[in-house]
N, C-alpha and C. Protein backbone atom coordinates (compact mmCIF):
# COMPACT_ATOMS: atom_id res chain seq x y z
N UNK A 1 7.65 62.52 50.16
CA UNK A 1 8.92 62.36 49.48
C UNK A 1 10.06 62.29 50.51
N UNK A 2 10.97 61.34 50.29
CA UNK A 2 12.09 61.13 51.20
C UNK A 2 13.08 62.30 51.13
N UNK A 3 13.48 62.79 52.31
CA UNK A 3 14.51 63.82 52.41
C UNK A 3 15.46 63.41 53.52
N UNK A 4 16.73 63.27 53.18
CA UNK A 4 17.74 62.89 54.16
C UNK A 4 18.04 64.06 55.08
N UNK A 5 18.09 63.80 56.38
CA UNK A 5 18.44 64.82 57.36
C UNK A 5 19.82 65.39 57.02
N UNK A 6 19.94 66.71 57.08
CA UNK A 6 21.19 67.38 56.71
C UNK A 6 22.39 66.90 57.52
N UNK A 7 22.18 66.59 58.79
CA UNK A 7 23.30 66.13 59.62
C UNK A 7 23.82 64.78 59.15
N UNK A 8 22.91 63.88 58.77
CA UNK A 8 23.33 62.58 58.24
C UNK A 8 24.05 62.76 56.90
N UNK A 9 23.52 63.62 56.07
CA UNK A 9 24.13 63.87 54.76
C UNK A 9 25.52 64.48 54.90
N UNK A 10 25.67 65.43 55.81
CA UNK A 10 26.96 66.12 55.98
C UNK A 10 28.01 65.26 56.66
N UNK A 11 27.58 64.26 57.44
CA UNK A 11 28.51 63.43 58.20
C UNK A 11 28.88 62.12 57.52
N UNK A 12 28.34 61.88 56.32
CA UNK A 12 28.54 60.58 55.69
C UNK A 12 28.61 60.68 54.18
N UNK A 13 29.06 59.59 53.57
CA UNK A 13 29.17 59.49 52.12
C UNK A 13 28.17 58.45 51.62
N UNK A 14 27.44 58.80 50.57
CA UNK A 14 26.52 57.86 49.95
C UNK A 14 27.31 56.74 49.29
N UNK A 15 26.91 55.49 49.55
CA UNK A 15 27.55 54.33 48.94
C UNK A 15 26.64 53.68 47.90
N UNK A 16 25.42 53.37 48.34
CA UNK A 16 24.53 52.60 47.46
C UNK A 16 23.10 52.71 48.01
N UNK A 17 22.16 52.53 47.13
CA UNK A 17 20.76 52.46 47.56
C UNK A 17 20.20 51.11 47.17
N UNK A 18 19.69 50.41 48.15
CA UNK A 18 18.98 49.16 47.92
C UNK A 18 17.51 49.54 47.87
N UNK A 19 16.64 48.65 47.52
CA UNK A 19 15.25 49.03 47.28
C UNK A 19 14.59 49.80 48.41
N UNK A 20 14.94 49.57 49.66
CA UNK A 20 14.26 50.23 50.77
C UNK A 20 15.14 51.15 51.63
N UNK A 21 16.44 51.18 51.39
CA UNK A 21 17.30 52.01 52.24
C UNK A 21 18.61 52.38 51.56
N UNK A 22 19.21 53.45 52.09
CA UNK A 22 20.53 53.90 51.66
C UNK A 22 21.60 53.28 52.55
N UNK A 23 22.74 53.04 51.93
CA UNK A 23 23.94 52.64 52.66
C UNK A 23 24.90 53.82 52.57
N UNK A 24 25.33 54.30 53.72
CA UNK A 24 26.22 55.45 53.77
C UNK A 24 27.41 55.12 54.68
N UNK A 25 28.55 55.68 54.38
CA UNK A 25 29.76 55.48 55.16
C UNK A 25 30.04 56.76 55.94
N UNK A 26 30.15 56.63 57.26
CA UNK A 26 30.43 57.80 58.09
C UNK A 26 31.82 58.35 57.78
N UNK A 27 31.93 59.66 57.80
CA UNK A 27 33.18 60.35 57.53
C UNK A 27 34.03 60.39 58.79
N UNK A 28 34.45 59.20 59.24
CA UNK A 28 35.22 59.03 60.46
C UNK A 28 36.35 58.04 60.18
N UNK A 29 37.57 58.46 60.40
CA UNK A 29 38.73 57.62 60.12
C UNK A 29 38.89 56.51 61.17
N UNK A 30 38.62 56.82 62.41
CA UNK A 30 38.96 55.91 63.51
C UNK A 30 38.11 54.65 63.59
N UNK A 31 36.92 54.67 63.01
CA UNK A 31 35.99 53.54 63.14
C UNK A 31 35.37 53.21 61.80
N UNK A 32 35.22 51.93 61.50
CA UNK A 32 34.48 51.49 60.30
C UNK A 32 33.01 51.61 60.68
N UNK A 33 32.38 52.66 60.19
CA UNK A 33 31.06 53.06 60.66
C UNK A 33 30.14 53.24 59.46
N UNK A 34 29.09 52.46 59.41
CA UNK A 34 28.14 52.48 58.30
C UNK A 34 26.78 52.93 58.82
N UNK A 35 26.07 53.71 58.02
CA UNK A 35 24.69 54.08 58.32
C UNK A 35 23.77 53.39 57.33
N UNK A 36 22.67 52.89 57.81
CA UNK A 36 21.61 52.34 56.96
C UNK A 36 20.37 53.18 57.23
N UNK A 37 19.83 53.79 56.17
CA UNK A 37 18.75 54.76 56.33
C UNK A 37 17.58 54.39 55.43
N UNK A 38 16.45 54.00 56.01
CA UNK A 38 15.27 53.71 55.18
C UNK A 38 14.88 54.95 54.36
N UNK A 39 14.44 54.73 53.15
CA UNK A 39 14.17 55.84 52.23
C UNK A 39 12.67 56.16 52.12
N UNK A 40 11.97 56.02 53.21
CA UNK A 40 10.58 56.46 53.30
C UNK A 40 10.53 57.74 54.12
N UNK A 41 9.53 58.55 53.85
CA UNK A 41 9.38 59.80 54.59
C UNK A 41 8.79 59.57 55.97
N UNK A 42 9.13 60.47 56.88
CA UNK A 42 8.51 60.56 58.20
C UNK A 42 8.68 59.31 59.07
N UNK A 43 9.80 58.64 58.93
CA UNK A 43 10.09 57.50 59.80
C UNK A 43 10.93 57.97 60.98
N UNK A 44 10.50 57.59 62.16
CA UNK A 44 11.23 57.95 63.37
C UNK A 44 11.61 56.69 64.15
N UNK A 45 10.64 55.84 64.38
CA UNK A 45 10.86 54.64 65.17
C UNK A 45 10.99 53.43 64.26
N UNK A 46 11.70 52.42 64.72
CA UNK A 46 11.82 51.17 63.98
C UNK A 46 10.43 50.59 63.70
N UNK A 47 9.51 50.79 64.63
CA UNK A 47 8.14 50.28 64.46
C UNK A 47 7.37 51.02 63.37
N UNK A 48 7.91 52.13 62.84
CA UNK A 48 7.26 52.83 61.73
C UNK A 48 7.43 52.10 60.41
N UNK A 49 8.35 51.15 60.36
CA UNK A 49 8.55 50.33 59.16
C UNK A 49 7.58 49.17 59.14
N UNK A 50 7.22 48.72 57.96
CA UNK A 50 6.46 47.48 57.83
C UNK A 50 7.37 46.34 58.31
N UNK A 51 6.78 45.28 58.78
CA UNK A 51 7.55 44.17 59.36
C UNK A 51 8.57 43.62 58.36
N UNK A 52 8.19 43.44 57.10
CA UNK A 52 9.14 42.89 56.12
C UNK A 52 10.28 43.86 55.85
N UNK A 53 10.01 45.16 55.84
CA UNK A 53 11.07 46.16 55.65
C UNK A 53 12.01 46.19 56.86
N UNK A 54 11.43 46.08 58.03
CA UNK A 54 12.22 46.05 59.26
C UNK A 54 13.14 44.84 59.28
N UNK A 55 12.58 43.69 58.93
CA UNK A 55 13.39 42.47 58.88
C UNK A 55 14.50 42.58 57.86
N UNK A 56 14.20 43.14 56.70
CA UNK A 56 15.21 43.31 55.65
C UNK A 56 16.34 44.21 56.14
N UNK A 57 16.01 45.32 56.77
CA UNK A 57 17.01 46.26 57.28
C UNK A 57 17.88 45.60 58.35
N UNK A 58 17.25 44.97 59.33
CA UNK A 58 18.02 44.37 60.42
C UNK A 58 18.85 43.18 59.95
N UNK A 59 18.29 42.35 59.09
CA UNK A 59 19.04 41.21 58.56
C UNK A 59 20.22 41.67 57.72
N UNK A 60 20.01 42.73 56.93
CA UNK A 60 21.10 43.27 56.13
C UNK A 60 22.22 43.78 57.04
N UNK A 61 21.86 44.49 58.10
CA UNK A 61 22.87 45.01 59.04
C UNK A 61 23.67 43.88 59.66
N UNK A 62 23.00 42.84 60.10
CA UNK A 62 23.67 41.69 60.70
C UNK A 62 24.60 41.03 59.69
N UNK A 63 24.10 40.78 58.49
CA UNK A 63 24.88 40.08 57.47
C UNK A 63 26.07 40.91 57.00
N UNK A 64 25.86 42.21 56.75
CA UNK A 64 26.97 43.07 56.34
C UNK A 64 28.01 43.16 57.45
N UNK A 65 27.55 43.33 58.69
CA UNK A 65 28.48 43.39 59.82
C UNK A 65 29.30 42.12 59.96
N UNK A 66 28.66 40.98 59.85
CA UNK A 66 29.39 39.71 59.95
C UNK A 66 30.39 39.54 58.80
N UNK A 67 30.00 39.98 57.61
CA UNK A 67 30.91 39.89 56.47
C UNK A 67 32.16 40.74 56.70
N UNK A 68 31.97 41.98 57.07
CA UNK A 68 33.11 42.88 57.28
C UNK A 68 33.96 42.38 58.44
N UNK A 69 33.31 41.93 59.51
CA UNK A 69 34.04 41.41 60.67
C UNK A 69 34.94 40.25 60.27
N UNK A 70 34.43 39.33 59.45
CA UNK A 70 35.23 38.17 59.08
C UNK A 70 36.35 38.52 58.11
N UNK A 71 36.10 39.43 57.19
CA UNK A 71 37.12 39.79 56.19
C UNK A 71 38.23 40.65 56.81
N UNK A 72 37.86 41.53 57.73
CA UNK A 72 38.82 42.47 58.31
C UNK A 72 39.26 42.10 59.73
N UNK A 73 38.78 40.98 60.24
CA UNK A 73 39.17 40.50 61.58
C UNK A 73 38.85 41.49 62.70
N UNK A 74 37.65 42.04 62.66
CA UNK A 74 37.21 42.89 63.77
C UNK A 74 36.81 42.00 64.94
N UNK A 75 36.82 42.59 66.14
CA UNK A 75 36.46 41.85 67.35
C UNK A 75 34.96 41.87 67.63
N UNK A 76 34.25 42.90 67.17
CA UNK A 76 32.86 43.08 67.58
C UNK A 76 32.10 43.87 66.51
N UNK A 77 30.85 43.49 66.33
CA UNK A 77 29.93 44.24 65.47
C UNK A 77 28.91 44.90 66.39
N UNK A 78 28.85 46.22 66.36
CA UNK A 78 27.85 46.96 67.14
C UNK A 78 26.78 47.49 66.19
N UNK A 79 25.53 47.25 66.54
CA UNK A 79 24.40 47.76 65.78
C UNK A 79 23.55 48.56 66.75
N UNK A 80 23.28 49.81 66.39
CA UNK A 80 22.52 50.64 67.32
C UNK A 80 21.66 51.68 66.63
N UNK A 81 20.65 52.12 67.35
CA UNK A 81 19.77 53.19 66.90
C UNK A 81 19.46 54.05 68.11
N UNK A 82 19.84 55.31 68.05
CA UNK A 82 19.55 56.20 69.16
C UNK A 82 18.44 57.18 68.80
N UNK A 83 18.70 58.06 67.85
CA UNK A 83 17.69 58.99 67.40
C UNK A 83 17.39 60.14 68.33
N UNK A 84 18.23 60.38 69.31
CA UNK A 84 17.99 61.49 70.23
C UNK A 84 18.37 62.84 69.61
N UNK A 85 19.39 62.86 68.78
CA UNK A 85 19.82 64.09 68.12
C UNK A 85 19.19 64.19 66.74
N UNK A 86 19.28 63.14 65.97
CA UNK A 86 18.67 63.08 64.64
C UNK A 86 17.51 62.09 64.73
N UNK A 87 16.30 62.60 64.65
CA UNK A 87 15.15 61.72 64.85
C UNK A 87 14.84 60.86 63.63
N UNK A 88 15.31 61.24 62.45
CA UNK A 88 15.05 60.42 61.25
C UNK A 88 15.61 59.02 61.49
N UNK A 89 14.78 58.01 61.22
CA UNK A 89 15.18 56.63 61.46
C UNK A 89 16.45 56.30 60.68
N UNK A 90 17.45 55.85 61.41
CA UNK A 90 18.71 55.40 60.81
C UNK A 90 19.36 54.41 61.77
N UNK A 91 20.10 53.50 61.20
CA UNK A 91 20.75 52.44 61.96
C UNK A 91 22.26 52.59 61.82
N UNK A 92 22.96 52.49 62.93
CA UNK A 92 24.42 52.56 62.95
C UNK A 92 24.98 51.14 63.00
N UNK A 93 25.94 50.88 62.15
CA UNK A 93 26.68 49.62 62.13
C UNK A 93 28.14 49.99 62.31
N UNK A 94 28.71 49.62 63.45
CA UNK A 94 30.08 50.02 63.77
C UNK A 94 30.89 48.77 64.08
N UNK A 95 31.98 48.61 63.34
CA UNK A 95 32.89 47.48 63.57
C UNK A 95 33.95 47.94 64.56
N UNK A 96 34.19 47.11 65.57
CA UNK A 96 35.08 47.51 66.66
C UNK A 96 36.22 46.52 66.84
N UNK A 97 37.35 47.05 67.28
CA UNK A 97 38.49 46.26 67.70
C UNK A 97 38.85 46.66 69.12
N UNK A 98 39.40 45.71 69.85
CA UNK A 98 39.76 45.98 71.24
C UNK A 98 40.86 47.03 71.34
N UNK A 99 41.55 47.31 70.25
CA UNK A 99 42.59 48.34 70.29
C UNK A 99 42.15 49.64 69.61
N UNK A 100 40.85 49.78 69.31
CA UNK A 100 40.43 51.06 68.72
C UNK A 100 40.41 52.13 69.82
N UNK A 101 40.50 53.39 69.45
CA UNK A 101 40.72 54.45 70.45
C UNK A 101 39.59 54.63 71.46
N UNK A 102 38.39 54.19 71.17
CA UNK A 102 37.28 54.38 72.11
C UNK A 102 36.95 53.12 72.91
N UNK A 103 37.61 52.00 72.60
CA UNK A 103 37.29 50.72 73.26
C UNK A 103 37.52 50.83 74.76
N UNK A 104 36.68 50.33 75.59
CA UNK A 104 35.45 49.59 75.32
C UNK A 104 34.21 50.48 75.30
N UNK A 105 34.41 51.79 75.36
CA UNK A 105 33.28 52.70 75.40
C UNK A 105 32.60 52.86 74.05
N UNK A 106 31.55 53.66 74.02
CA UNK A 106 30.83 53.88 72.76
C UNK A 106 31.59 54.82 71.84
N UNK A 107 31.29 54.74 70.56
CA UNK A 107 31.90 55.66 69.59
C UNK A 107 31.17 57.00 69.59
N UNK A 108 29.90 57.01 70.01
CA UNK A 108 29.15 58.26 70.06
C UNK A 108 29.77 59.19 71.09
N UNK A 109 30.04 60.40 70.69
CA UNK A 109 30.59 61.38 71.60
C UNK A 109 32.04 61.15 71.96
N UNK A 110 32.69 60.23 71.24
CA UNK A 110 34.11 60.02 71.52
C UNK A 110 34.84 61.33 71.29
N UNK A 111 35.85 61.62 72.11
CA UNK A 111 36.42 62.97 72.20
C UNK A 111 36.85 63.60 70.89
N UNK A 112 37.49 62.86 70.00
CA UNK A 112 37.88 63.51 68.74
C UNK A 112 38.01 62.47 67.64
N UNK A 113 37.50 62.81 66.50
CA UNK A 113 37.65 61.96 65.34
C UNK A 113 38.16 62.81 64.20
N UNK A 114 38.77 62.15 63.24
CA UNK A 114 39.24 62.86 62.05
C UNK A 114 38.46 62.37 60.84
N UNK A 115 38.45 63.20 59.81
CA UNK A 115 37.75 62.82 58.58
C UNK A 115 38.42 61.62 57.94
N UNK A 116 37.61 60.89 57.24
CA UNK A 116 38.05 59.68 56.56
C UNK A 116 39.11 60.01 55.51
N UNK A 117 40.23 59.31 55.58
CA UNK A 117 41.28 59.46 54.56
C UNK A 117 40.84 58.74 53.30
N UNK A 118 41.24 59.24 52.15
CA UNK A 118 40.78 58.69 50.88
C UNK A 118 41.10 57.21 50.73
N UNK A 119 42.28 56.78 51.14
CA UNK A 119 42.65 55.37 51.03
C UNK A 119 41.75 54.48 51.89
N UNK A 120 41.48 54.91 53.11
CA UNK A 120 40.61 54.16 54.01
C UNK A 120 39.19 54.14 53.47
N UNK A 121 38.74 55.27 52.95
CA UNK A 121 37.40 55.35 52.36
C UNK A 121 37.27 54.34 51.22
N UNK A 122 38.29 54.24 50.40
CA UNK A 122 38.26 53.31 49.26
C UNK A 122 38.21 51.86 49.73
N UNK A 123 39.01 51.53 50.72
CA UNK A 123 39.03 50.16 51.26
C UNK A 123 37.66 49.80 51.84
N UNK A 124 37.10 50.69 52.63
CA UNK A 124 35.79 50.43 53.25
C UNK A 124 34.69 50.35 52.19
N UNK A 125 34.73 51.25 51.23
CA UNK A 125 33.75 51.22 50.14
C UNK A 125 33.83 49.91 49.37
N UNK A 126 35.05 49.49 49.06
CA UNK A 126 35.24 48.24 48.32
C UNK A 126 34.66 47.05 49.07
N UNK A 127 34.84 47.02 50.38
CA UNK A 127 34.28 45.92 51.18
C UNK A 127 32.76 45.91 51.12
N UNK A 128 32.16 47.07 51.19
CA UNK A 128 30.69 47.15 51.10
C UNK A 128 30.23 46.66 49.74
N UNK A 129 30.90 47.11 48.68
CA UNK A 129 30.49 46.71 47.32
C UNK A 129 30.76 45.23 47.06
N UNK A 130 31.84 44.69 47.65
CA UNK A 130 32.09 43.24 47.53
C UNK A 130 30.95 42.46 48.16
N UNK A 131 30.48 42.91 49.31
CA UNK A 131 29.36 42.23 49.96
C UNK A 131 28.10 42.29 49.10
N UNK A 132 27.88 43.40 48.43
CA UNK A 132 26.66 43.59 47.63
C UNK A 132 26.63 42.74 46.37
N UNK A 133 27.79 42.25 45.93
CA UNK A 133 27.83 41.45 44.69
C UNK A 133 27.13 40.13 44.84
């Protein structure tokens, strides 16, 4: 049975579940940051997914990232998977601008972030749901 890691659950908001994964929005104001989390148990590595599930996850990340980038005029779409702190398989989709506070460095471990403001959360959520239509 699928159980979401507590750190992922506490750091993000549930948006939607597609047949094979959850879409969650990170609780970070400074960056448009989405998590995609396969909903199978005991997944650690990308290779733990079946090939068709892996392709679906990666293609969805690319397509969602390109959609948000074009609608919101972001400069870069970053897609990454680390898993050093949280081993449960999850994919980070982060939209970046050259004037964001961490540019050009990574968003991971950036010195300070604030919780997502309700207005920003609504805008980001709406963009995700528009893409899903």
